[in-house]
Each structure stands twice: as C-alpha cells, then as structure tokens.
Amino acid sequence: KRISVSQGSLASDLQLTATTDTNVATYTPPVAGNYLILIYYRVTTAQTNFEVKITYTDGTGAQTLQVVAAATPTAVGSYSATPVAINSTAAAITVVAKAGTANQVYVSSSITGV
C-alpha cells in the first residue's frame, strides 16, 4: 500500500507482482532540498534476482542511483538497504524495484525531506 505524507512518500509492504520495473514510492518535492530514502525488502519462498534504484534530478540533471545492483541473486530473508541521502530539485524522486520472480518480493520505502 502507498501512503502520501505532507513531507514525503511512504510505501509499506508493496508486493512486486510483475518482473518489470515497479514504482514503489514517488515524491515530488515542492522545493529543491535534501531528501533521505530508506528501503526495506523481503524475499519469500525461494531465491530470486532483485534490483532497486532511485531516480531523481539534481543540479546537474537527471540521475539514476543503483541501490541494489541489477540481477542480484537474493536469498529468502529480510534486508535493509543502506540509507541514501540526495539533493534534489523540485522534480519527482522515485524508488523503482524489479524482481526476477513475480509475487516473491515485498518492498517498503520512505522518501522524506531532511
């Protein structure tokens, strides 16, 4: 489920039901500034490939930050990605995840102004 909050965006336990890029959380800030992105994910049933990236725009243009490398074999279990701090313009910040097997990965993420 996705929840909008006044200073960011939160997605809690969103199941990846496809094997294509899925927008987990998106926030369009009202002004440029510093933002903190937290990501938790859980693999159920069996190992699958997994990746997560953050897209945003900073003072030099459009950026894509790979948080978990593409096609990373990920065992059953729960994981917390390293927190990411960015400086973004007033353009969308999006957390995008992709699983190698549908319905086996759940992702939670928050994007907040700091």
PDB file of N, CA and C in Angstrom:
ATOM      1  N   LYS A   1       0.834  -1.190   0.000  1.00  0.00           N
ATOM      2  CA  LYS A   1       0.000   0.000   0.000  1.00  0.00           C
ATOM      3  C   LYS A   1       0.867   1.236   0.000  1.00  0.00           C
ATOM      4  N   ARG A   2       0.409   2.270  -0.673  1.00  0.00           N
ATOM      5  CA  ARG A   2       1.151   3.532  -0.761  1.00  0.00           C
ATOM      6  C   ARG A   2       0.426   4.589   0.059  1.00  0.00           C
ATOM      7  N   ILE A   3       1.195   5.402   0.748  1.00  0.00           N
ATOM      8  CA  ILE A   3       0.626   6.434   1.601  1.00  0.00           C
ATOM      9  C   ILE A   3       1.337   7.745   1.288  1.00  0.00           C
ATOM     10  N   SER A   4       0.591   8.818   1.051  1.00  0.00           N
ATOM     11  CA  SER A   4       1.213  10.133   0.865  1.00  0.00           C
ATOM     12  C   SER A   4       1.273  10.832   2.209  1.00  0.00           C
ATOM     13  N   VAL A   5       2.387  11.456   2.470  1.00  0.00           N
ATOM     14  CA  VAL A   5       2.536  12.236   3.689  1.00  0.00           C
ATOM     15  C   VAL A   5       2.938  13.649   3.277  1.00  0.00           C
ATOM     16  N   SER A   6       2.791  14.611   4.170  1.00  0.00           N
ATOM     17  CA  SER A   6       2.999  16.002   3.789  1.00  0.00           C
ATOM     18  C   SER A   6       4.442  16.311   3.394  1.00  0.00           C
ATOM     19  N   GLN A   7       5.412  15.621   3.943  1.00  0.00           N
ATOM     20  CA  GLN A   7       6.812  15.904   3.655  1.00  0.00           C
ATOM     21  C   GLN A   7       7.505  14.779   2.907  1.00  0.00           C
ATOM     22  N   GLY A   8       6.750  13.875   2.269  1.00  0.00           N
ATOM     23  CA  GLY A   8       7.388  12.789   1.546  1.00  0.00           C
ATOM     24  C   GLY A   8       6.396  11.738   1.118  1.00  0.00           C
ATOM     25  N   SER A   9       6.920  10.535   0.908  1.00  0.00           N
ATOM     26  CA  SER A   9       6.100   9.429   0.442  1.00  0.00           C
ATOM     27  C   SER A   9       6.512   8.160   1.174  1.00  0.00           C
ATOM     28  N   LEU A  10       5.554   7.281   1.401  1.00  0.00           N
ATOM     29  CA  LEU A  10       5.808   6.035   2.116  1.00  0.00           C
ATOM     30  C   LEU A  10       5.089   4.904   1.409  1.00  0.00           C
ATOM     31  N   ALA A  11       5.798   3.799   1.185  1.00  0.00           N
ATOM     32  CA  ALA A  11       5.187   2.567   0.670  1.00  0.00           C
ATOM     33  C   ALA A  11       5.496   1.481   1.679  1.00  0.00           C
ATOM     34  N   SER A  12       4.490   0.748   2.088  1.00  0.00           N
ATOM     35  CA  SER A  12       4.672  -0.282   3.097  1.00  0.00           C
ATOM     36  C   SER A  12       4.263  -1.644   2.566  1.00  0.00           C
ATOM     37  N   ASP A  13       5.230  -2.553   2.495  1.00  0.00           N
ATOM     38  CA  ASP A  13       4.983  -3.952   2.147  1.00  0.00           C
ATOM     39  C   ASP A  13       4.291  -4.101   0.791  1.00  0.00           C
ATOM     40  N   LEU A  14       4.808  -3.410  -0.206  1.00  0.00           N
ATOM     41  CA  LEU A  14       4.258  -3.478  -1.556  1.00  0.00           C
ATOM     42  C   LEU A  14       4.789  -4.726  -2.254  1.00  0.00           C
ATOM     43  N   GLN A  15       3.895  -5.626  -2.663  1.00  0.00           N
ATOM     44  CA  GLN A  15       4.294  -6.852  -3.345  1.00  0.00           C
ATOM     45  C   GLN A  15       4.616  -6.562  -4.810  1.00  0.00           C
ATOM     46  N   LEU A  16       5.755  -7.062  -5.286  1.00  0.00           N
ATOM     47  CA  LEU A  16       6.121  -6.918  -6.694  1.00  0.00           C
ATOM     48  C   LEU A  16       5.441  -8.054  -7.459  1.00  0.00           C
ATOM     49  N   THR A  17       4.369  -7.731  -8.153  1.00  0.00           N
ATOM     50  CA  THR A  17       3.546  -8.753  -8.819  1.00  0.00           C
ATOM     51  C   THR A  17       3.960  -9.000 -10.265  1.00  0.00           C
ATOM     52  N   ALA A  18       4.993  -8.298 -10.728  1.00  0.00           N
ATOM     53  CA  ALA A  18       5.481  -8.464 -12.100  1.00  0.00           C
ATOM     54  C   ALA A  18       7.000  -8.566 -12.064  1.00  0.00           C
ATOM     55  N   THR A  19       7.588  -8.875 -13.207  1.00  0.00           N
ATOM     56  CA  THR A  19       9.046  -8.964 -13.302  1.00  0.00           C
ATOM     57  C   THR A  19       9.625  -7.775 -14.073  1.00  0.00           C
ATOM     58  N   THR A  20       8.879  -6.692 -14.096  1.00  0.00           N
ATOM     59  CA  THR A  20       9.320  -5.455 -14.740  1.00  0.00           C
ATOM     60  C   THR A  20       9.492  -4.376 -13.673  1.00  0.00           C
ATOM     61  N   ASP A  21      10.077  -3.247 -14.058  1.00  0.00           N
ATOM     62  CA  ASP A  21      10.249  -2.145 -13.106  1.00  0.00           C
ATOM     63  C   ASP A  21       8.915  -1.750 -12.490  1.00  0.00           C
ATOM     64  N   THR A  22       8.909  -1.602 -11.161  1.00  0.00           N
ATOM     65  CA  THR A  22       7.712  -1.199 -10.423  1.00  0.00           C
ATOM     66  C   THR A  22       8.046   0.029  -9.592  1.00  0.00           C
ATOM     67  N   ASN A  23       7.268   1.101  -9.740  1.00  0.00           N
ATOM     68  CA  ASN A  23       7.445   2.280  -8.898  1.00  0.00           C
ATOM     69  C   ASN A  23       6.924   1.960  -7.503  1.00  0.00           C
ATOM     70  N   VAL A  24       7.820   1.976  -6.544  1.00  0.00           N
ATOM     71  CA  VAL A  24       7.464   1.644  -5.161  1.00  0.00           C
ATOM     72  C   VAL A  24       6.974   2.884  -4.429  1.00  0.00           C
ATOM     73  N   ALA A  25       7.707   3.963  -4.543  1.00  0.00           N
ATOM     74  CA  ALA A  25       7.331   5.220  -3.887  1.00  0.00           C
ATOM     75  C   ALA A  25       7.794   6.377  -4.765  1.00  0.00           C
ATOM     76  N   THR A  26       6.961   7.408  -4.863  1.00  0.00           N
ATOM     77  CA  THR A  26       7.311   8.608  -5.626  1.00  0.00           C
ATOM     78  C   THR A  26       6.916   9.833  -4.817  1.00  0.00           C
ATOM     79  N   TYR A  27       7.810  10.805  -4.807  1.00  0.00           N
ATOM     80  CA  TYR A  27       7.519  12.073  -4.133  1.00  0.00           C
ATOM     81  C   TYR A  27       8.050  13.202  -5.003  1.00  0.00           C
ATOM     82  N   THR A  28       7.217  14.200  -5.250  1.00  0.00           N
ATOM     83  CA  THR A  28       7.643  15.398  -5.965  1.00  0.00           C
ATOM     84  C   THR A  28       7.722  16.531  -4.950  1.00  0.00           C
ATOM     85  N   PRO A  29       8.932  16.901  -4.564  1.00  0.00           N
ATOM     86  CA  PRO A  29       9.075  17.937  -3.536  1.00  0.00           C
ATOM     87  C   PRO A  29       8.632  19.308  -4.042  1.00  0.00           C
ATOM     88  N   PRO A  30       8.123  20.134  -3.155  1.00  0.00           N
ATOM     89  CA  PRO A  30       7.685  21.473  -3.555  1.00  0.00           C
ATOM     90  C   PRO A  30       8.857  22.412  -3.841  1.00  0.00           C
ATOM     91  N   VAL A  31      10.025  22.113  -3.280  1.00  0.00           N
ATOM     92  CA  VAL A  31      11.227  22.928  -3.474  1.00  0.00           C
ATOM     93  C   VAL A  31      12.450  22.023  -3.514  1.00  0.00           C
ATOM     94  N   ALA A  32      13.536  22.542  -4.057  1.00  0.00           N
ATOM     95  CA  ALA A  32      14.795  21.802  -4.043  1.00  0.00           C
ATOM     96  C   ALA A  32      15.266  21.657  -2.597  1.00  0.00           C
ATOM     97  N   GLY A  33      15.956  20.552  -2.307  1.00  0.00           N
ATOM     98  CA  GLY A  33      16.459  20.349  -0.955  1.00  0.00           C
ATOM     99  C   GLY A  33      17.047  18.968  -0.768  1.00  0.00           C
ATOM    100  N   ASN A  34      17.339  18.654   0.478  1.00  0.00           N
ATOM    101  CA  ASN A  34      17.922  17.368   0.846  1.00  0.00           C
ATOM    102  C   ASN A  34      16.820  16.377   1.207  1.00  0.00           C
ATOM    103  N   TYR A  35      16.997  15.125   0.751  1.00  0.00           N
ATOM    104  CA  TYR A  35      15.996  14.085   0.977  1.00  0.00           C
ATOM    105  C   TYR A  35      16.679  12.793   1.373  1.00  0.00           C
ATOM    106  N   LEU A  36      16.036  12.054   2.277  1.00  0.00           N
ATOM    107  CA  LEU A  36      16.544  10.776   2.767  1.00  0.00           C
ATOM    108  C   LEU A  36      15.618   9.669   2.268  1.00  0.00           C
ATOM    109  N   ILE A  37      16.206   8.612   1.696  1.00  0.00           N
ATOM    110  CA  ILE A  37      15.423   7.484   1.178  1.00  0.00           C
ATOM    111  C   ILE A  37      15.835   6.229   1.939  1.00  0.00           C
ATOM    112  N   LEU A  38      14.848   5.567   2.520  1.00  0.00           N
ATOM    113  CA  LEU A  38      15.057   4.312   3.247  1.00  0.00           C
ATOM    114  C   LEU A  38      14.329   3.195   2.507  1.00  0.00           C
ATOM    115  N   ILE A  39      14.970   2.030   2.405  1.00  0.00           N
ATOM    116  CA  ILE A  39      14.388   0.909   1.660  1.00  0.00           C
ATOM    117  C   ILE A  39      14.576  -0.383   2.444  1.00  0.00           C
ATOM    118  N   TYR A  40      13.491  -1.128   2.596  1.00  0.00           N
ATOM    119  CA  TYR A  40      13.485  -2.455   3.216  1.00  0.00           C
ATOM    120  C   TYR A  40      12.847  -3.404   2.212  1.00  0.00           C
ATOM    121  N   TYR A  41      13.356  -4.621   2.107  1.00  0.00           N
ATOM    122  CA  TYR A  41      12.719  -5.595   1.216  1.00  0.00           C
ATOM    123  C   TYR A  41      12.827  -6.994   1.803  1.00  0.00           C
ATOM    124  N   ARG A  42      11.896  -7.826   1.386  1.00  0.00           N
ATOM    125  CA  ARG A  42      11.781  -9.186   1.907  1.00  0.00           C
ATOM    126  C   ARG A  42      11.541 -10.139   0.742  1.00  0.00           C
ATOM    127  N   VAL A  43      12.327 -11.212   0.692  1.00  0.00           N
ATOM    128  CA  VAL A  43      12.158 -12.250  -0.325  1.00  0.00           C
ATOM    129  C   VAL A  43      11.514 -13.454   0.347  1.00  0.00           C
ATOM    130  N   THR A  44      10.435 -13.950  -0.245  1.00  0.00           N
ATOM    131  CA  THR A  44       9.730 -15.105   0.308  1.00  0.00           C
ATOM    132  C   THR A  44       9.871 -16.294  -0.634  1.00  0.00           C
ATOM    133  N   THR A  45       9.608 -17.472  -0.156  1.00  0.00           N
ATOM    134  CA  THR A  45       9.527 -18.715  -0.933  1.00  0.00           C
ATOM    135  C   THR A  45      10.867 -19.241  -1.442  1.00  0.00           C
ATOM    136  N   ALA A  46      11.552 -18.520  -2.358  1.00  0.00           N
ATOM    137  CA  ALA A  46      12.798 -19.015  -2.953  1.00  0.00           C
ATOM    138  C   ALA A  46      13.659 -17.848  -3.415  1.00  0.00           C
ATOM    139  N   GLN A  47      14.954 -18.112  -3.598  1.00  0.00           N
ATOM    140  CA  GLN A  47      15.865 -17.088  -4.100  1.00  0.00           C
ATOM    141  C   GLN A  47      15.362 -16.537  -5.428  1.00  0.00           C
ATOM    142  N   THR A  48      15.556 -15.245  -5.616  1.00  0.00           N
ATOM    143  CA  THR A  48      15.211 -14.597  -6.884  1.00  0.00           C
ATOM    144  C   THR A  48      16.164 -13.439  -7.125  1.00  0.00           C
ATOM    145  N   ASN A  49      16.294 -13.036  -8.358  1.00  0.00           N
ATOM    146  CA  ASN A  49      17.074 -11.839  -8.660  1.00  0.00           C
ATOM    147  C   ASN A  49      16.268 -10.614  -8.240  1.00  0.00           C
ATOM    148  N   PHE A  50      16.982  -9.581  -7.814  1.00  0.00           N
ATOM    149  CA  PHE A  50      16.319  -8.379  -7.323  1.00  0.00           C
ATOM    150  C   PHE A  50      17.199  -7.181  -7.612  1.00  0.00           C
ATOM    151  N   GLU A  51      16.573  -6.041  -7.882  1.00  0.00           N
ATOM    152  CA  GLU A  51      17.305  -4.784  -8.007  1.00  0.00           C
ATOM    153  C   GLU A  51      16.418  -3.636  -7.543  1.00  0.00           C
ATOM    154  N   VAL A  52      17.059  -2.565  -7.091  1.00  0.00           N
ATOM    155  CA  VAL A  52      16.325  -1.356  -6.722  1.00  0.00           C
ATOM    156  C   VAL A  52      17.179  -0.143  -7.065  1.00  0.00           C
ATOM    157  N   LYS A  53      16.509   0.879  -7.601  1.00  0.00           N
ATOM    158  CA  LYS A  53      17.199   2.109  -7.970  1.00  0.00           C
ATOM    159  C   LYS A  53      16.336   3.307  -7.594  1.00  0.00           C
ATOM    160  N   ILE A  54      16.992   4.457  -7.544  1.00  0.00           N
ATOM    161  CA  ILE A  54      16.306   5.706  -7.241  1.00  0.00           C
ATOM    162  C   ILE A  54      16.549   6.644  -8.421  1.00  0.00           C
ATOM    163  N   THR A  55      15.479   7.236  -8.940  1.00  0.00           N
ATOM    164  CA  THR A  55      15.618   8.232  -9.990  1.00  0.00           C
ATOM    165  C   THR A  55      15.217   9.593  -9.419  1.00  0.00           C
ATOM    166  N   TYR A  56      15.973  10.616  -9.807  1.00  0.00           N
ATOM    167  CA  TYR A  56      15.714  11.971  -9.312  1.00  0.00           C
ATOM    168  C   TYR A  56      16.476  12.951 -10.187  1.00  0.00           C
ATOM    169  N   THR A  57      16.300  14.230  -9.942  1.00  0.00           N
ATOM    170  CA  THR A  57      17.011  15.263 -10.678  1.00  0.00           C
ATOM    171  C   THR A  57      17.715  16.171  -9.686  1.00  0.00           C
ATOM    172  N   ASP A  58      19.013  16.388  -9.925  1.00  0.00           N
ATOM    173  CA  ASP A  58      19.743  17.345  -9.087  1.00  0.00           C
ATOM    174  C   ASP A  58      20.231  18.497  -9.967  1.00  0.00           C
ATOM    175  N   GLY A  59      21.118  19.312  -9.442  1.00  0.00           N
ATOM    176  CA  GLY A  59      21.577  20.486 -10.163  1.00  0.00           C
ATOM    177  C   GLY A  59      22.305  20.189 -11.468  1.00  0.00           C
ATOM    178  N   THR A  60      22.728  18.948 -11.676  1.00  0.00           N
ATOM    179  CA  THR A  60      23.424  18.594 -12.921  1.00  0.00           C
ATOM    180  C   THR A  60      22.519  17.863 -13.908  1.00  0.00           C
ATOM    181  N   GLY A  61      21.278  17.562 -13.520  1.00  0.00           N
ATOM    182  CA  GLY A  61      20.347  16.893 -14.423  1.00  0.00           C
ATOM    183  C   GLY A  61      19.796  15.597 -13.850  1.00  0.00           C
ATOM    184  N   ALA A  62      19.173  14.797 -14.720  1.00  0.00           N
ATOM    185  CA  ALA A  62      18.536  13.541 -14.314  1.00  0.00           C
ATOM    186  C   ALA A  62      19.582  12.549 -13.817  1.00  0.00           C
ATOM    187  N   GLN A  63      19.243  11.854 -12.719  1.00  0.00           N
ATOM    188  CA  GLN A  63      20.149  10.890 -12.091  1.00  0.00           C
ATOM    189  C   GLN A  63      19.438   9.555 -11.874  1.00  0.00           C
ATOM    190  N   THR A  64      20.198   8.471 -11.945  1.00  0.00           N
ATOM    191  CA  THR A  64      19.723   7.148 -11.543  1.00  0.00           C
ATOM    192  C   THR A  64      20.777   6.561 -10.613  1.00  0.00           C
ATOM    193  N   LEU A  65      20.386   6.281  -9.397  1.00  0.00           N
ATOM    194  CA  LEU A  65      21.284   5.719  -8.395  1.00  0.00           C
ATOM    195  C   LEU A  65      20.895   4.264  -8.161  1.00  0.00           C
ATOM    196  N   GLN A  66      21.771   3.335  -8.491  1.00  0.00           N
ATOM    197  CA  GLN A  66      21.503   1.905  -8.316  1.00  0.00           C
ATOM    198  C   GLN A  66      21.799   1.552  -6.866  1.00  0.00           C
ATOM    199  N   VAL A  67      20.780   1.195  -6.088  1.00  0.00           N
ATOM    200  CA  VAL A  67      20.946   0.881  -4.669  1.00  0.00           C
ATOM    201  C   VAL A  67      21.283  -0.599  -4.492  1.00  0.00           C
ATOM    202  N   VAL A  68      20.585  -1.461  -5.195  1.00  0.00           N
ATOM    203  CA  VAL A  68      20.898  -2.894  -5.251  1.00  0.00           C
ATOM    204  C   VAL A  68      21.135  -3.192  -6.725  1.00  0.00           C
ATOM    205  N   ALA A  69      22.326  -3.678  -7.047  1.00  0.00           N
ATOM    206  CA  ALA A  69      22.721  -3.888  -8.442  1.00  0.00           C
ATOM    207  C   ALA A  69      21.737  -4.786  -9.183  1.00  0.00           C
ATOM    208  N   ALA A  70      21.591  -4.510 -10.484  1.00  0.00           N
ATOM    209  CA  ALA A  70      20.678  -5.282 -11.333  1.00  0.00           C
ATOM    210  C   ALA A  70      20.991  -6.768 -11.257  1.00  0.00           C
ATOM    211  N   ALA A  71      19.926  -7.561 -11.202  1.00  0.00           N
ATOM    212  CA  ALA A  71      20.009  -9.031 -11.221  1.00  0.00           C
ATOM    213  C   ALA A  71      20.859  -9.606 -10.087  1.00  0.00           C
ATOM    214  N   THR A  72      20.775  -9.006  -8.896  1.00  0.00           N
ATOM    215  CA  THR A  72      21.483  -9.539  -7.735  1.00  0.00           C
ATOM    216  C   THR A  72      20.727 -10.750  -7.199  1.00  0.00           C
ATOM    217  N   PRO A  73      21.344 -11.954  -7.170  1.00  0.00           N
ATOM    218  CA  PRO A  73      20.672 -13.122  -6.598  1.00  0.00           C
ATOM    219  C   PRO A  73      20.439 -12.878  -5.100  1.00  0.00           C
ATOM    220  N   THR A  74      19.197 -12.978  -4.674  1.00  0.00           N
ATOM    221  CA  THR A  74      18.836 -12.646  -3.297  1.00  0.00           C
ATOM    222  C   THR A  74      18.100 -13.816  -2.667  1.00  0.00           C
ATOM    223  N   ALA A  75      18.650 -14.318  -1.562  1.00  0.00           N
ATOM    224  CA  ALA A  75      18.073 -15.468  -0.868  1.00  0.00           C
ATOM    225  C   ALA A  75      16.837 -15.062  -0.078  1.00  0.00           C
ATOM    226  N   VAL A  76      16.044 -16.042   0.316  1.00  0.00           N
ATOM    227  CA  VAL A  76      14.897 -15.792   1.179  1.00  0.00           C
ATOM    228  C   VAL A  76      15.391 -15.099   2.445  1.00  0.00           C
ATOM    229  N   GLY A  77      14.721 -14.020   2.814  1.00  0.00           N
ATOM    230  CA  GLY A  77      15.111 -13.282   4.001  1.00  0.00           C
ATOM    231  C   GLY A  77      14.664 -11.839   3.930  1.00  0.00           C
ATOM    232  N   SER A  78      15.030 -11.082   4.961  1.00  0.00           N
ATOM    233  CA  SER A  78      14.675  -9.667   5.064  1.00  0.00           C
ATOM    234  C   SER A  78      15.941  -8.834   4.987  1.00  0.00           C
ATOM    235  N   TYR A  79      15.860  -7.702   4.283  1.00  0.00           N
ATOM    236  CA  TYR A  79      17.034  -6.876   4.023  1.00  0.00           C
ATOM    237  C   TYR A  79      16.702  -5.400   4.194  1.00  0.00           C
ATOM    238  N   SER A  80      17.711  -4.654   4.621  1.00  0.00           N
ATOM    239  CA  SER A  80      17.594  -3.210   4.705  1.00  0.00           C
ATOM    240  C   SER A  80      18.732  -2.611   3.896  1.00  0.00           C
ATOM    241  N   ALA A  81      18.410  -1.830   2.878  1.00  0.00           N
ATOM    242  CA  ALA A  81      19.434  -1.195   2.054  1.00  0.00           C
ATOM    243  C   ALA A  81      20.072  -0.046   2.828  1.00  0.00           C
ATOM    244  N   THR A  82      21.278   0.293   2.456  1.00  0.00           N
ATOM    245  CA  THR A  82      21.958   1.435   3.055  1.00  0.00           C
ATOM    246  C   THR A  82      21.131   2.696   2.804  1.00  0.00           C
ATOM    247  N   PRO A  83      20.879   3.510   3.825  1.00  0.00           N
ATOM    248  CA  PRO A  83      20.135   4.756   3.620  1.00  0.00           C
ATOM    249  C   PRO A  83      20.835   5.646   2.589  1.00  0.00           C
ATOM    250  N   VAL A  84      20.043   6.359   1.796  1.00  0.00           N
ATOM    251  CA  VAL A  84      20.574   7.208   0.729  1.00  0.00           C
ATOM    252  C   VAL A  84      20.135   8.647   0.985  1.00  0.00           C
ATOM    253  N   ALA A  85      21.097   9.559   0.922  1.00  0.00           N
ATOM    254  CA  ALA A  85      20.803  10.991   1.030  1.00  0.00           C
ATOM    255  C   ALA A  85      21.098  11.629  -0.323  1.00  0.00           C
ATOM    256  N   ILE A  86      20.151  12.443  -0.807  1.00  0.00           N
ATOM    257  CA  ILE A  86      20.327  13.133  -2.083  1.00  0.00           C
ATOM    258  C   ILE A  86      19.944  14.600  -1.922  1.00  0.00           C
ATOM    259  N   ASN A  87      20.380  15.401  -2.882  1.00  0.00           N
ATOM    260  CA  ASN A  87      19.885  16.763  -3.016  1.00  0.00           C
ATOM    261  C   ASN A  87      19.136  16.796  -4.335  1.00  0.00           C
ATOM    262  N   SER A  88      17.857  17.111  -4.280  1.00  0.00           N
ATOM    263  CA  SER A  88      17.002  17.035  -5.460  1.00  0.00           C
ATOM    264  C   SER A  88      16.381  18.383  -5.775  1.00  0.00           C
ATOM    265  N   THR A  89      16.119  18.606  -7.066  1.00  0.00           N
ATOM    266  CA  THR A  89      15.333  19.761  -7.476  1.00  0.00           C
ATOM    267  C   THR A  89      13.872  19.466  -7.134  1.00  0.00           C
ATOM    268  N   ALA A  90      12.982  20.349  -7.540  1.00  0.00           N
ATOM    269  CA  ALA A  90      11.554  20.144  -7.291  1.00  0.00           C
ATOM    270  C   ALA A  90      10.950  19.242  -8.376  1.00  0.00           C
ATOM    271  N   ALA A  91      11.641  18.149  -8.693  1.00  0.00           N
ATOM    272  CA  ALA A  91      11.170  17.152  -9.661  1.00  0.00           C
ATOM    273  C   ALA A  91      10.998  15.824  -8.929  1.00  0.00           C
ATOM    274  N   ALA A  92      10.283  14.914  -9.524  1.00  0.00           N
ATOM    275  CA  ALA A  92       9.944  13.644  -8.875  1.00  0.00           C
ATOM    276  C   ALA A  92      11.184  12.855  -8.439  1.00  0.00           C
ATOM    277  N   ILE A  93      11.073  12.277  -7.247  1.00  0.00           N
ATOM    278  CA  ILE A  93      12.037  11.307  -6.715  1.00  0.00           C
ATOM    279  C   ILE A  93      11.283   9.983  -6.694  1.00  0.00           C
ATOM    280  N   THR A  94      11.832   8.942  -7.320  1.00  0.00           N
ATOM    281  CA  THR A  94      11.114   7.677  -7.413  1.00  0.00           C
ATOM    282  C   THR A  94      12.017   6.510  -7.035  1.00  0.00           C
ATOM    283  N   VAL A  95      11.484   5.613  -6.205  1.00  0.00           N
ATOM    284  CA  VAL A  95      12.145   4.350  -5.875  1.00  0.00           C
ATOM    285  C   VAL A  95      11.537   3.294  -6.787  1.00  0.00           C
ATOM    286  N   VAL A  96      12.393   2.613  -7.564  1.00  0.00           N
ATOM    287  CA  VAL A  96      11.949   1.633  -8.552  1.00  0.00           C
ATOM    288  C   VAL A  96      12.582   0.282  -8.217  1.00  0.00           C
ATOM    289  N   ALA A  97      11.765  -0.764  -8.142  1.00  0.00           N
ATOM    290  CA  ALA A  97      12.271  -2.106  -7.829  1.00  0.00           C
ATOM    291  C   ALA A  97      11.873  -3.089  -8.921  1.00  0.00           C
ATOM    292  N   LYS A  98      12.653  -4.163  -9.016  1.00  0.00           N
ATOM    293  CA  LYS A  98      12.383  -5.196 -10.017  1.00  0.00           C
ATOM    294  C   LYS A  98      12.798  -6.545  -9.450  1.00  0.00           C
ATOM    295  N   ALA A  99      11.914  -7.516  -9.556  1.00  0.00           N
ATOM    296  CA  ALA A  99      12.190  -8.874  -9.079  1.00  0.00           C
ATOM    297  C   ALA A  99      12.263  -9.823 -10.264  1.00  0.00           C
ATOM    298  N   GLY A 100      13.073 -10.869 -10.127  1.00  0.00           N
ATOM    299  CA  GLY A 100      13.186 -11.872 -11.174  1.00  0.00           C
ATOM    300  C   GLY A 100      12.020 -12.829 -11.208  1.00  0.00           C
ATOM    301  N   THR A 101      11.284 -12.916 -10.096  1.00  0.00           N
ATOM    302  CA  THR A 101      10.121 -13.793  -9.994  1.00  0.00           C
ATOM    303  C   THR A 101       8.967 -12.995  -9.400  1.00  0.00           C
ATOM    304  N   ALA A 102       7.829 -13.025 -10.055  1.00  0.00           N
ATOM    305  CA  ALA A 102       6.656 -12.284  -9.558  1.00  0.00           C
ATOM    306  C   ALA A 102       6.169 -12.858  -8.234  1.00  0.00           C
ATOM    307  N   ASN A 103       5.630 -11.995  -7.401  1.00  0.00           N
ATOM    308  CA  ASN A 103       4.960 -12.340  -6.145  1.00  0.00           C
ATOM    309  C   ASN A 103       5.873 -12.931  -5.077  1.00  0.00           C
ATOM    310  N   GLN A 104       7.181 -12.733  -5.174  1.00  0.00           N
ATOM    311  CA  GLN A 104       8.110 -13.261  -4.174  1.00  0.00           C
ATOM    312  C   GLN A 104       8.844 -12.187  -3.384  1.00  0.00           C
ATOM    313  N   VAL A 105       8.665 -10.915  -3.769  1.00  0.00           N
ATOM    314  CA  VAL A 105       9.385  -9.840  -3.090  1.00  0.00           C
ATOM    315  C   VAL A 105       8.394  -8.764  -2.645  1.00  0.00           C
ATOM    316  N   TYR A 106       8.581  -8.294  -1.417  1.00  0.00           N
ATOM    317  CA  TYR A 106       7.801  -7.193  -0.847  1.00  0.00           C
ATOM    318  C   TYR A 106       8.782  -6.071  -0.532  1.00  0.00           C
ATOM    319  N   VAL A 107       8.389  -4.841  -0.862  1.00  0.00           N
ATOM    320  CA  VAL A 107       9.289  -3.698  -0.675  1.00  0.00           C
ATOM    321  C   VAL A 107       8.578  -2.607   0.111  1.00  0.00           C
ATOM    322  N   SER A 108       9.309  -2.015   1.052  1.00  0.00           N
ATOM    323  CA  SER A 108       8.842  -0.833   1.771  1.00  0.00           C
ATOM    324  C   SER A 108       9.865   0.268   1.541  1.00  0.00           C
ATOM    325  N   SER A 109       9.395   1.507   1.424  1.00  0.00           N
ATOM    326  CA  SER A 109      10.319   2.614   1.206  1.00  0.00           C
ATOM    327  C   SER A 109       9.706   3.912   1.719  1.00  0.00           C
ATOM    328  N   SER A 110      10.583   4.794   2.168  1.00  0.00           N
ATOM    329  CA  SER A 110      10.135   6.140   2.525  1.00  0.00           C
ATOM    330  C   SER A 110      11.084   7.160   1.919  1.00  0.00           C
ATOM    331  N   ILE A 111      10.503   8.253   1.484  1.00  0.00           N
ATOM    332  CA  ILE A 111      11.248   9.387   0.946  1.00  0.00           C
ATOM    333  C   ILE A 111      10.846  10.588   1.810  1.00  0.00           C
ATOM    334  N   THR A 112      11.787  11.182   2.501  1.00  0.00           N
ATOM    335  CA  THR A 112      11.435  12.297   3.384  1.00  0.00           C
ATOM    336  C   THR A 112      12.422  13.436   3.237  1.00  0.00           C
ATOM    337  N   GLY A 113      11.922  14.650   3.393  1.00  0.00           N
ATOM    338  CA  GLY A 113      12.767  15.825   3.405  1.00  0.00           C
ATOM    339  C   GLY A 113      13.544  15.895   4.706  1.00  0.00           C
ATOM    340  N   VAL A 114      14.812  16.302   4.632  1.00  0.00           N
ATOM    341  CA  VAL A 114      15.629  16.405   5.839  1.00  0.00           C
ATOM    342  C   VAL A 114      16.316  17.761   5.904  1.00  0.00           C
TER     343      VAL A 114
END
